[in-house]
Amino acid sequence: MKHHLFLPTFLPVSFPDAMETFLEDMAKKGWFLKKVGYFLSFCQFEKGTPAPVRYHALFLLAYKCAT
């Protein structure tokens, strides 16, 4: 059985370095990112063997123009 962890995130997209550090710290504890919620409202993690993982956060904003 796989173990999952859901955590609310309070890191705004203007701080990608903080998000990268948070995800890397979670991987060292054996929790690996599986899914990110709408507007980073939560992160879903899956339990695995602790390992050093390097994350890179790149946030893209999409705009819809009214015609």
C-alpha atoms as a PDB file:
ATOM      1  CA  MET A   1       0.000   0.000   0.000  1.00  0.00           C
ATOM      2  CA  LYS A   2       1.350   3.406  -0.920  1.00  0.00           C
ATOM      3  CA  HIS A   3       1.334   6.148   1.650  1.00  0.00           C
ATOM      4  CA  HIS A   4       0.325   9.673   0.648  1.00  0.00           C
ATOM      5  CA  LEU A   5       0.647  12.970   2.435  1.00  0.00           C
ATOM      6  CA  PHE A   6      -1.362  16.090   1.586  1.00  0.00           C
ATOM      7  CA  LEU A   7       0.032  19.393   2.820  1.00  0.00           C
ATOM      8  CA  PRO A   8      -1.358  22.883   2.348  1.00  0.00           C
ATOM      9  CA  THR A   9       1.291  25.194   0.947  1.00  0.00           C
ATOM     10  CA  PHE A  10       1.642  28.774   2.004  1.00  0.00           C
ATOM     11  CA  LEU A  11       4.494  29.655  -0.313  1.00  0.00           C
ATOM     12  CA  PRO A  12       3.506  32.249  -2.903  1.00  0.00           C
ATOM     13  CA  VAL A  13       4.768  31.846  -6.465  1.00  0.00           C
ATOM     14  CA  SER A  14       6.996  34.876  -5.929  1.00  0.00           C
ATOM     15  CA  PHE A  15       9.325  32.688  -3.800  1.00  0.00           C
ATOM     16  CA  PRO A  16      10.423  29.779  -6.057  1.00  0.00           C
ATOM     17  CA  ASP A  17      13.647  29.296  -4.056  1.00  0.00           C
ATOM     18  CA  ALA A  18      11.627  28.626  -0.908  1.00  0.00           C
ATOM     19  CA  MET A  19       9.455  26.084  -2.751  1.00  0.00           C
ATOM     20  CA  GLU A  20      12.542  24.306  -4.125  1.00  0.00           C
ATOM     21  CA  THR A  21      14.099  24.100  -0.644  1.00  0.00           C
ATOM     22  CA  PHE A  22      10.830  22.838   0.849  1.00  0.00           C
ATOM     23  CA  LEU A  23      10.507  20.072  -1.773  1.00  0.00           C
ATOM     24  CA  GLU A  24      14.162  19.040  -1.434  1.00  0.00           C
ATOM     25  CA  ASP A  25      13.801  18.831   2.368  1.00  0.00           C
ATOM     26  CA  MET A  26      10.692  16.662   1.970  1.00  0.00           C
ATOM     27  CA  ALA A  27      12.573  14.300  -0.405  1.00  0.00           C
ATOM     28  CA  LYS A  28      15.360  13.900   2.172  1.00  0.00           C
ATOM     29  CA  LYS A  29      12.628  12.705   4.572  1.00  0.00           C
ATOM     30  CA  GLY A  30      11.307  10.245   1.966  1.00  0.00           C
ATOM     31  CA  TRP A  31       8.312  12.262   0.725  1.00  0.00           C
ATOM     32  CA  PHE A  32       8.335  12.877  -3.025  1.00  0.00           C
ATOM     33  CA  LEU A  33       6.144  15.363  -4.867  1.00  0.00           C
ATOM     34  CA  LYS A  34       3.393  13.669  -6.849  1.00  0.00           C
ATOM     35  CA  LYS A  35       0.868  16.440  -7.545  1.00  0.00           C
ATOM     36  CA  VAL A  36       0.428  20.165  -6.999  1.00  0.00           C
ATOM     37  CA  GLY A  37      -3.005  21.668  -6.419  1.00  0.00           C
ATOM     38  CA  TYR A  38      -4.568  24.651  -8.110  1.00  0.00           C
ATOM     39  CA  PHE A  39      -2.503  27.807  -7.420  1.00  0.00           C
ATOM     40  CA  LEU A  40      -0.221  25.758  -5.134  1.00  0.00           C
ATOM     41  CA  SER A  41      -3.057  25.356  -2.646  1.00  0.00           C
ATOM     42  CA  PHE A  42      -1.680  21.947  -1.648  1.00  0.00           C
ATOM     43  CA  CYS A  43       1.032  19.444  -2.496  1.00  0.00           C
ATOM     44  CA  GLN A  44       0.515  15.688  -2.619  1.00  0.00           C
ATOM     45  CA  PHE A  45       3.515  13.566  -1.665  1.00  0.00           C
ATOM     46  CA  GLU A  46       4.187   9.850  -1.992  1.00  0.00           C
ATOM     47  CA  LYS A  47       6.324   7.957   0.529  1.00  0.00           C
ATOM     48  CA  GLY A  48       9.543   6.408  -0.750  1.00  0.00           C
ATOM     49  CA  THR A  49      13.141   5.806   0.208  1.00  0.00           C
ATOM     50  CA  PRO A  50      14.765   9.053   1.379  1.00  0.00           C
ATOM     51  CA  ALA A  51      17.086  10.463  -1.278  1.00  0.00           C
ATOM     52  CA  PRO A  52      18.631  13.786  -2.257  1.00  0.00           C
ATOM     53  CA  VAL A  53      16.556  15.252  -5.095  1.00  0.00           C
ATOM     54  CA  ARG A  54      17.072  18.585  -6.827  1.00  0.00           C
ATOM     55  CA  TYR A  55      13.893  20.499  -7.706  1.00  0.00           C
ATOM     56  CA  HIS A  56      13.583  23.554  -9.917  1.00  0.00           C
ATOM     57  CA  ALA A  57      10.429  25.629  -9.638  1.00  0.00           C
ATOM     58  CA  LEU A  58       9.294  27.576 -12.688  1.00  0.00           C
ATOM     59  CA  PHE A  59       5.940  29.312 -12.457  1.00  0.00           C
ATOM     60  CA  LEU A  60       4.164  30.325 -15.631  1.00  0.00           C
ATOM     61  CA  LEU A  61       1.160  32.568 -15.611  1.00  0.00           C
ATOM     62  CA  ALA A  62      -1.409  32.241 -18.360  1.00  0.00           C
ATOM     63  CA  TYR A  63      -3.561  35.152 -19.371  1.00  0.00           C
ATOM     64  CA  LYS A  64      -6.668  35.014 -21.470  1.00  0.00           C
ATOM     65  CA  CYS A  65      -7.338  38.063 -23.582  1.00  0.00           C
ATOM     66  CA  ALA A  66     -10.918  39.111 -24.173  1.00  0.00           C
ATOM     67  CA  THR A  67     -11.738  39.694 -27.806  1.00  0.00           C
END
